[in-house]
Protein backbone atom coordinates (compact mmCIF):
# COMPACT_ATOMS: atom_id res chain seq x y z
CA MET A 1 107.12 82.24 38.52
CA PHE A 2 107.35 85.59 40.34
CA ASP A 3 105.26 87.42 37.70
CA ARG A 4 103.47 89.55 40.31
CA VAL A 5 106.75 90.26 42.16
CA VAL A 6 108.34 91.48 38.91
CA THR A 7 105.35 93.79 38.34
CA ILE A 8 105.55 95.21 41.88
CA LEU A 9 109.29 95.81 41.50
CA SER A 10 108.85 97.55 38.15
CA GLU A 11 106.03 99.74 39.51
CA ASN A 12 108.08 100.74 42.58
CA PRO A 13 111.73 101.03 41.49
CA GLU A 14 112.45 103.63 44.17
CA LEU A 15 111.63 101.04 46.86
CA ALA A 16 113.75 98.20 45.49
CA THR A 17 117.43 97.40 45.83
CA LEU A 18 118.32 94.15 44.14
CA GLY A 19 121.37 91.93 44.37
CA ALA A 20 122.96 90.02 41.51
CA PRO A 21 121.76 86.75 40.00
CA GLN A 22 123.43 83.68 41.48
CA LEU A 23 124.69 80.58 39.68
CA ASP A 24 123.25 77.14 40.42
CA SER A 25 126.70 76.07 41.64
CA ALA A 26 126.66 78.79 44.36
CA ILE A 27 123.12 77.82 45.33
CA ASP A 28 124.10 74.13 45.54
CA GLU A 29 127.13 74.97 47.71
CA THR A 30 124.90 76.99 50.04
CA GLN A 31 122.43 74.13 50.39
CA GLU A 32 125.29 71.77 51.20
CA ARG A 33 126.75 74.13 53.80
CA LEU A 34 123.37 74.54 55.51
CA GLY A 35 122.48 70.87 55.13
CA VAL A 36 119.13 71.53 53.45
CA GLN A 37 117.40 71.49 50.08
CA PHE A 38 115.88 74.82 49.08
CA PRO A 39 112.38 74.96 47.62
CA GLU A 40 112.25 75.78 43.92
CA SER A 41 110.80 79.29 44.41
CA TYR A 42 113.69 80.27 46.71
CA ARG A 43 116.22 78.85 44.22
CA GLU A 44 114.55 80.97 41.52
CA PHE A 45 114.71 84.05 43.78
CA LEU A 46 118.45 83.49 44.17
CA ARG A 47 118.89 82.92 40.42
CA ARG A 48 117.03 86.14 39.56
CA TRP A 49 118.04 88.59 42.28
CA GLY A 50 120.43 87.00 44.77
CA TRP A 51 118.96 89.11 47.59
CA MET A 52 116.55 92.03 47.83
CA TRP A 53 115.55 95.07 49.85
CA PHE A 54 112.06 96.46 49.35
CA GLY A 55 111.44 99.56 51.41
CA PRO A 56 112.73 98.73 54.90
CA ASN A 57 112.46 94.96 54.41
CA ALA A 58 115.46 92.76 53.59
CA TYR A 59 115.10 89.34 51.97
CA PHE A 60 118.23 87.30 52.62
CA GLY A 61 120.09 85.52 49.89
CA LEU A 62 123.53 85.30 48.35
CA GLY A 63 126.04 87.75 46.94
CA THR A 64 126.55 90.00 49.96
CA THR A 65 127.78 89.57 53.51
CA VAL A 66 125.09 91.85 54.95
CA GLU A 67 121.91 90.00 53.94
CA ASN A 68 123.54 86.60 53.56
CA VAL A 69 121.26 83.60 54.12
CA VAL A 70 124.15 81.47 55.42
CA ILE A 71 125.31 84.03 58.00
CA GLU A 72 121.77 84.76 59.21
CA THR A 73 120.78 81.08 59.42
CA GLU A 74 123.97 79.97 61.17
CA ARG A 75 123.66 82.88 63.62
CA ALA A 76 120.08 81.89 64.48
CA ARG A 77 121.03 78.24 64.87
CA LEU A 78 123.85 79.13 67.25
CA ARG A 79 122.22 81.93 69.27
CA LEU A 80 118.56 80.95 69.23
CA GLY A 81 118.63 77.18 68.87
CA LEU A 82 116.89 77.33 65.49
CA PRO A 83 116.47 73.72 64.30
CA ALA A 84 118.61 72.71 61.32
CA LYS A 85 115.64 72.27 58.98
CA TYR A 86 114.89 76.02 59.04
CA VAL A 87 116.54 78.61 56.78
CA VAL A 88 116.23 82.29 57.71
CA VAL A 89 115.10 84.41 54.75
CA ALA A 90 113.97 87.62 56.53
CA ASP A 91 114.00 89.28 59.95
CA HIS A 92 111.04 91.16 61.40
CA ASP A 93 112.66 93.76 63.68
CA GLY A 94 114.69 91.17 65.60
CA ASP A 95 111.60 89.69 67.27
CA GLU A 96 110.67 87.22 64.54
CA LEU A 97 112.57 85.39 61.85
CA VAL A 98 110.91 84.35 58.61
CA CYS A 99 112.08 80.81 57.83
CA LEU A 100 111.77 78.23 55.10
CA ASP A 101 110.71 74.93 56.67
CA THR A 102 112.89 72.76 54.44
CA GLY A 103 112.01 69.68 56.50
CA ALA A 104 108.51 69.90 55.03
CA LEU A 105 109.55 70.02 51.35
CA ARG A 106 106.59 68.81 49.29
CA PRO A 107 106.56 66.84 46.00
CA ASP A 108 105.95 70.16 44.18
CA ALA A 109 109.44 71.25 45.40
CA GLU A 110 107.97 73.89 47.74
CA CYS A 111 107.76 74.18 51.51
CA PRO A 112 105.93 76.32 54.06
CA VAL A 113 107.30 79.63 55.27
CA SER A 114 107.09 79.87 59.04
CA ILE A 115 107.71 82.51 61.69
CA TRP A 116 110.23 81.75 64.46
CA ASN A 117 109.57 83.78 67.60
CA CYS A 118 112.98 84.88 68.92
CA ILE A 119 111.65 85.88 72.32
CA HIS A 120 109.83 82.61 73.07
CA GLY A 121 112.20 80.39 71.08
CA GLY A 122 109.74 78.54 68.89
CA LEU A 123 107.47 78.64 65.90
CA SER A 124 104.55 81.00 66.20
CA ARG A 125 102.77 80.40 62.90
CA THR A 126 103.00 79.50 59.23
CA CYS A 127 102.66 82.59 57.06
CA ALA A 128 102.72 81.20 53.49
CA ASN A 129 102.77 77.92 51.60
CA SER A 130 105.79 78.93 49.48
CA PHE A 131 108.57 81.50 49.37
CA GLU A 132 107.03 83.05 46.24
CA ALA A 133 103.67 83.51 48.01
CA PHE A 134 105.40 85.02 51.06
CA LEU A 135 107.50 87.46 49.01
CA GLN A 136 104.57 88.53 46.83
CA ARG A 137 102.32 89.21 49.82
CA ASP A 138 105.07 91.01 51.74
CA LEU A 139 105.84 93.31 48.80
CA GLU A 140 102.14 93.93 48.13
CA ASP A 141 101.53 94.79 51.79
CA PHE A 142 104.30 97.38 51.77
CA ALA A 143 103.60 98.82 48.29
CA THR A 144 99.88 99.42 48.85
């Protein structure tokens, strides 16, 4: 899992700022607080890196108060009416939030990644079928 992401990070170290690996207990507590079950690829992201910046793009996680998935998700739920099944994992310039659709968790322990339009207050599209696929494509798009 994340083989291509690891390669992109190693080929572009000047673009990457990585957090610290998180324990399963911290991940479980976060799921409980948000009332969701994370897909396996997002759990693995948290276990490996905690959070990540790549170029100008932040990928929310655990281990910091700046790019914290709990703070960002709770803020969007309160201010934007984001439904409880969504977890905010990235922000596209304040206009769009990249969200895990944890209400659509599949038997393979993955879920779609969707875009929440902050201006119109609703989903605009699905951008990937897993967090790993989203992160890989996002990093590739910026690195190339």
